[in-house]
Amino acid sequence: MRPVEDTYRHKGLRKKLVDIVRGKGITDEKVLAAIGSIPRHFFLDSAFDELAYEDRAFPDRRRANDLATLYGRLPIAIARAKTVHESTGDWYGKRIPGHGTGRDGSAVYTIERQRKLFDANKLFSFLKKYTSVKFFYGDGYEGLPTYAPFDRVIITAAAPAVPPKLIEQLKTGGMMVIPVGEEDRPQQMMRITKLDGGALKEEVLDKFSFVPMKEGKKG
């Protein structure tokens, strides 16, 4: 059962999480403000109240495997980005970059590959306040070509290789951040910039561990 109350205790736990994240080098005040204001425990069963505010991924591996999101004209987290694609590990992960969207035509386009999760989250009352978030049932590897091109692509699930269709949907001058590698070992975070003529500039960043990004739809 999902909790529905946001108490002073929860707000205190969020403040501690913000301090932890800030201490790890995150300095974007808009991102920190989003972390500090969004009730992360709403996205977990009430039994995981304490876990909700630890600096770690949610335990629902199935959900983490099955989500992909497209962000449009995202005003926070990515500096003045207009259109962004993201594949995330949980519904909370969508709210951080989606927090504050809706201004100047900003929107979030999110794809869910599992029909049951897609249907369940349409009933999740907290998500309804984000009127600029548009939900789609489909395959994150396919992206949303109708809404392309995107200024940014953010993948937060491990792909064995860079999905070519998401590169196609990235506009010239746009950037993709993606962990690449197999799920049984740390993945290499990469930043890919699409240059004039379709050439790609690849930068290798740090190593991280993510759940795998799954292909296809699941009814």
Protein backbone atom coordinates (compact mmCIF):
# COMPACT_ATOMS: atom_id res chain seq x y z
CA MET A 1 0.00 0.00 0.00
CA ARG A 2 1.38 3.40 -0.98
CA PRO A 3 1.54 6.07 1.74
CA VAL A 4 -0.45 9.27 1.25
CA GLU A 5 0.86 11.50 4.07
CA ASP A 6 3.96 13.66 3.92
CA THR A 7 4.93 14.31 7.54
CA TYR A 8 7.57 16.51 9.19
CA ARG A 9 9.59 13.34 9.66
CA HIS A 10 9.57 12.67 5.93
CA LYS A 11 10.56 16.25 5.21
CA GLY A 12 13.45 15.90 7.66
CA LEU A 13 14.58 12.71 5.94
CA ARG A 14 14.48 14.51 2.58
CA LYS A 15 16.62 17.30 3.96
CA LYS A 16 19.21 14.75 5.08
CA LEU A 17 19.13 13.18 1.62
CA VAL A 18 19.69 16.58 0.01
CA ASP A 19 22.68 17.13 2.31
CA ILE A 20 24.10 13.73 1.33
CA VAL A 21 23.65 14.38 -2.38
CA ARG A 22 25.10 17.87 -2.07
CA GLY A 23 28.10 16.40 -0.25
CA LYS A 24 28.73 14.14 -3.24
CA GLY A 25 29.18 17.12 -5.52
CA ILE A 26 25.68 17.83 -6.84
CA THR A 27 25.44 21.63 -6.95
CA ASP A 28 22.45 22.37 -9.20
CA GLU A 29 20.06 24.07 -6.78
CA LYS A 30 17.01 23.25 -8.91
CA VAL A 31 17.82 19.54 -8.77
CA LEU A 32 18.43 19.73 -5.02
CA ALA A 33 15.17 21.63 -4.55
CA ALA A 34 13.30 18.93 -6.45
CA ILE A 35 14.84 16.19 -4.30
CA GLY A 36 13.92 18.18 -1.21
CA SER A 37 10.30 18.69 -2.19
CA ILE A 38 9.18 15.46 -3.85
CA PRO A 39 7.88 12.84 -1.36
CA ARG A 40 9.97 9.86 -2.43
CA HIS A 41 8.15 7.56 -0.01
CA PHE A 42 4.97 7.97 -2.08
CA PHE A 43 6.63 5.78 -4.72
CA LEU A 44 7.18 2.82 -2.38
CA ASP A 45 5.06 0.62 -0.19
CA SER A 46 4.72 2.06 3.32
CA ALA A 47 6.89 -0.80 4.64
CA PHE A 48 9.88 0.83 2.92
CA ASP A 49 9.48 4.23 4.58
CA GLU A 50 13.08 4.44 5.84
CA LEU A 51 14.56 3.01 2.66
CA ALA A 52 12.84 5.69 0.61
CA TYR A 53 15.29 8.34 1.78
CA GLU A 54 18.51 6.39 1.60
CA ASP A 55 20.91 7.33 -1.17
CA ARG A 56 20.25 4.19 -3.16
CA ALA A 57 18.06 2.79 -5.91
CA PHE A 58 14.58 1.53 -5.19
CA PRO A 59 14.39 -2.24 -4.56
CA ASP A 60 11.76 -2.94 -7.24
CA ARG A 61 14.03 -4.46 -9.87
CA ARG A 62 11.14 -5.27 -12.18
CA ARG A 63 10.04 -1.67 -12.33
CA ALA A 64 13.61 -0.46 -12.78
CA ASN A 65 14.05 -2.82 -15.70
CA ASP A 66 10.97 -1.70 -17.53
CA LEU A 67 10.86 2.06 -17.73
CA ALA A 68 11.90 4.54 -20.37
CA THR A 69 11.00 8.20 -20.46
CA LEU A 70 11.09 11.03 -22.96
CA TYR A 71 11.38 14.56 -21.62
CA GLY A 72 10.40 17.55 -23.73
CA ARG A 73 11.77 21.06 -23.18
CA LEU A 74 13.05 20.26 -19.72
CA PRO A 75 13.75 23.47 -17.72
CA ILE A 76 15.72 21.94 -14.86
CA ALA A 77 18.56 19.46 -14.37
CA ILE A 78 19.69 20.01 -17.94
CA ALA A 79 20.55 23.63 -18.50
CA ARG A 80 17.89 25.12 -20.78
CA ALA A 81 17.36 21.81 -22.57
CA LYS A 82 14.30 21.85 -24.82
CA THR A 83 13.66 18.17 -25.46
CA VAL A 84 15.05 15.26 -23.48
CA HIS A 85 14.72 11.48 -23.60
CA GLU A 86 15.34 9.54 -20.42
CA SER A 87 15.22 5.90 -19.40
CA THR A 88 14.89 5.70 -15.64
CA GLY A 89 14.83 3.15 -12.86
CA ASP A 90 11.59 4.22 -11.18
CA TRP A 91 8.69 6.64 -11.30
CA TYR A 92 10.38 8.86 -8.72
CA GLY A 93 13.30 9.16 -11.13
CA LYS A 94 10.98 10.79 -13.60
CA ARG A 95 9.80 13.39 -11.14
CA ILE A 96 13.23 14.88 -10.39
CA PRO A 97 13.89 16.12 -13.93
CA GLY A 98 10.18 16.58 -14.54
CA HIS A 99 9.73 18.80 -11.48
CA GLY A 100 8.86 22.29 -12.63
CA THR A 101 7.95 21.38 -16.20
CA GLY A 102 4.95 22.88 -17.88
CA ARG A 103 6.36 26.37 -18.27
CA ASP A 104 7.08 27.67 -21.75
CA GLY A 105 5.61 24.54 -23.30
CA SER A 106 7.83 22.13 -21.35
CA ALA A 107 6.58 18.56 -21.21
CA VAL A 108 7.61 15.07 -20.21
CA TYR A 109 6.94 12.08 -22.46
CA THR A 110 7.30 8.80 -20.63
CA ILE A 111 7.19 5.26 -22.02
CA GLU A 112 6.27 2.19 -19.93
CA ARG A 113 6.86 -1.27 -21.43
CA GLN A 114 4.72 -3.21 -18.92
CA ARG A 115 1.01 -2.81 -19.46
CA LYS A 116 0.13 -3.52 -15.81
CA LEU A 117 2.50 -0.83 -14.54
CA PHE A 118 1.28 1.59 -17.17
CA ASP A 119 -2.35 1.07 -16.16
CA ALA A 120 -1.56 1.17 -12.43
CA ASN A 121 0.31 4.44 -12.62
CA LYS A 122 -2.53 6.15 -14.45
CA LEU A 123 -4.36 5.76 -11.12
CA PHE A 124 -1.44 7.09 -9.04
CA SER A 125 -2.94 10.35 -7.76
CA PHE A 126 0.40 12.06 -7.07
CA LEU A 127 1.38 11.81 -10.73
CA LYS A 128 -1.79 13.58 -11.81
CA LYS A 129 -0.48 16.90 -10.49
CA TYR A 130 2.18 16.79 -13.22
CA THR A 131 -0.13 17.77 -16.07
CA SER A 132 2.81 18.25 -18.44
CA VAL A 133 3.74 14.55 -18.16
CA LYS A 134 2.43 12.47 -21.07
CA PHE A 135 2.35 8.68 -20.60
CA PHE A 136 2.82 6.13 -23.37
CA TYR A 137 2.81 2.33 -23.44
CA GLY A 138 5.63 1.12 -25.66
CA ASP A 139 9.29 0.23 -26.06
CA GLY A 140 11.86 2.68 -24.70
CA TYR A 141 14.43 1.50 -27.23
CA GLU A 142 12.15 2.79 -29.98
CA GLY A 143 11.80 6.22 -28.39
CA LEU A 144 9.06 8.56 -29.60
CA PRO A 145 9.96 9.62 -33.13
CA THR A 146 6.77 11.67 -33.44
CA TYR A 147 8.08 14.06 -30.76
CA ALA A 148 11.73 14.09 -31.88
CA PRO A 149 14.27 15.59 -32.22
CA PHE A 150 15.37 15.85 -28.58
CA ASP A 151 18.01 18.10 -27.07
CA ARG A 152 19.00 15.59 -24.43
CA VAL A 153 18.82 11.84 -23.96
CA ILE A 154 19.33 10.46 -20.45
CA ILE A 155 19.42 6.70 -19.95
CA THR A 156 19.45 5.46 -16.35
CA ALA A 157 19.31 1.75 -17.09
CA ALA A 158 22.24 -0.20 -18.53
CA ALA A 159 22.15 -0.84 -22.26
CA PRO A 160 24.59 -3.33 -23.83
CA ALA A 161 25.04 -0.81 -26.65
CA VAL A 162 23.83 2.67 -27.48
CA PRO A 163 20.30 2.37 -28.94
CA PRO A 164 20.59 3.63 -32.54
CA LYS A 165 17.00 4.87 -32.76
CA LEU A 166 17.57 7.16 -29.78
CA ILE A 167 20.65 8.57 -31.48
CA GLU A 168 18.51 9.22 -34.56
CA GLN A 169 16.02 11.12 -32.41
CA LEU A 170 18.74 13.33 -30.90
CA LYS A 171 19.00 16.70 -32.58
CA THR A 172 22.26 18.15 -33.91
CA GLY A 173 24.14 19.61 -30.96
CA GLY A 174 22.19 17.43 -28.54
CA MET A 175 23.73 15.17 -25.91
CA MET A 176 23.04 11.68 -24.59
CA VAL A 177 24.21 10.32 -21.24
CA ILE A 178 24.04 6.53 -21.01
CA PRO A 179 25.58 3.68 -18.96
CA VAL A 180 26.86 1.08 -21.43
CA GLY A 181 27.74 -2.50 -20.52
CA GLU A 182 26.43 -5.80 -19.24
CA GLU A 183 24.35 -6.02 -16.07
CA ASP A 184 26.72 -8.35 -14.17
CA ARG A 185 29.53 -5.78 -13.99
CA PRO A 186 29.93 -2.00 -13.59
CA GLN A 187 28.88 -0.09 -16.68
CA GLN A 188 30.78 2.75 -18.30
CA MET A 189 28.93 6.04 -18.24
CA MET A 190 29.24 7.85 -21.54
CA ARG A 191 28.32 11.28 -22.81
CA ILE A 192 27.63 11.40 -26.54
CA THR A 193 27.22 14.64 -28.48
CA LYS A 194 25.67 14.64 -31.95
CA LEU A 195 27.67 16.89 -34.25
CA ASP A 196 26.90 18.43 -37.63
CA GLY A 197 26.47 15.78 -40.29
CA GLY A 198 25.50 13.14 -37.75
CA ALA A 199 29.03 12.50 -36.41
CA LEU A 200 29.24 11.56 -32.73
CA LYS A 201 31.62 12.83 -30.07
CA GLU A 202 31.98 10.24 -27.29
CA GLU A 203 33.30 11.02 -23.80
CA VAL A 204 33.96 8.27 -21.26
CA LEU A 205 32.96 9.21 -17.72
CA ASP A 206 32.93 7.16 -14.52
CA LYS A 207 31.75 3.59 -13.86
CA PHE A 208 28.39 2.80 -12.27
CA SER A 209 26.07 -0.16 -11.71
CA PHE A 210 22.56 -0.06 -13.18
CA VAL A 211 19.80 -2.55 -13.80
CA PRO A 212 19.44 -3.54 -17.46
CA MET A 213 17.29 -1.64 -19.93
CA LYS A 214 14.83 -4.11 -21.48
CA GLU A 215 13.59 -4.14 -25.08
CA GLY A 216 10.06 -4.68 -26.31
CA LYS A 217 6.64 -4.39 -24.71
CA LYS A 218 5.16 -6.67 -22.07
CA GLY A 219 1.41 -7.08 -21.91
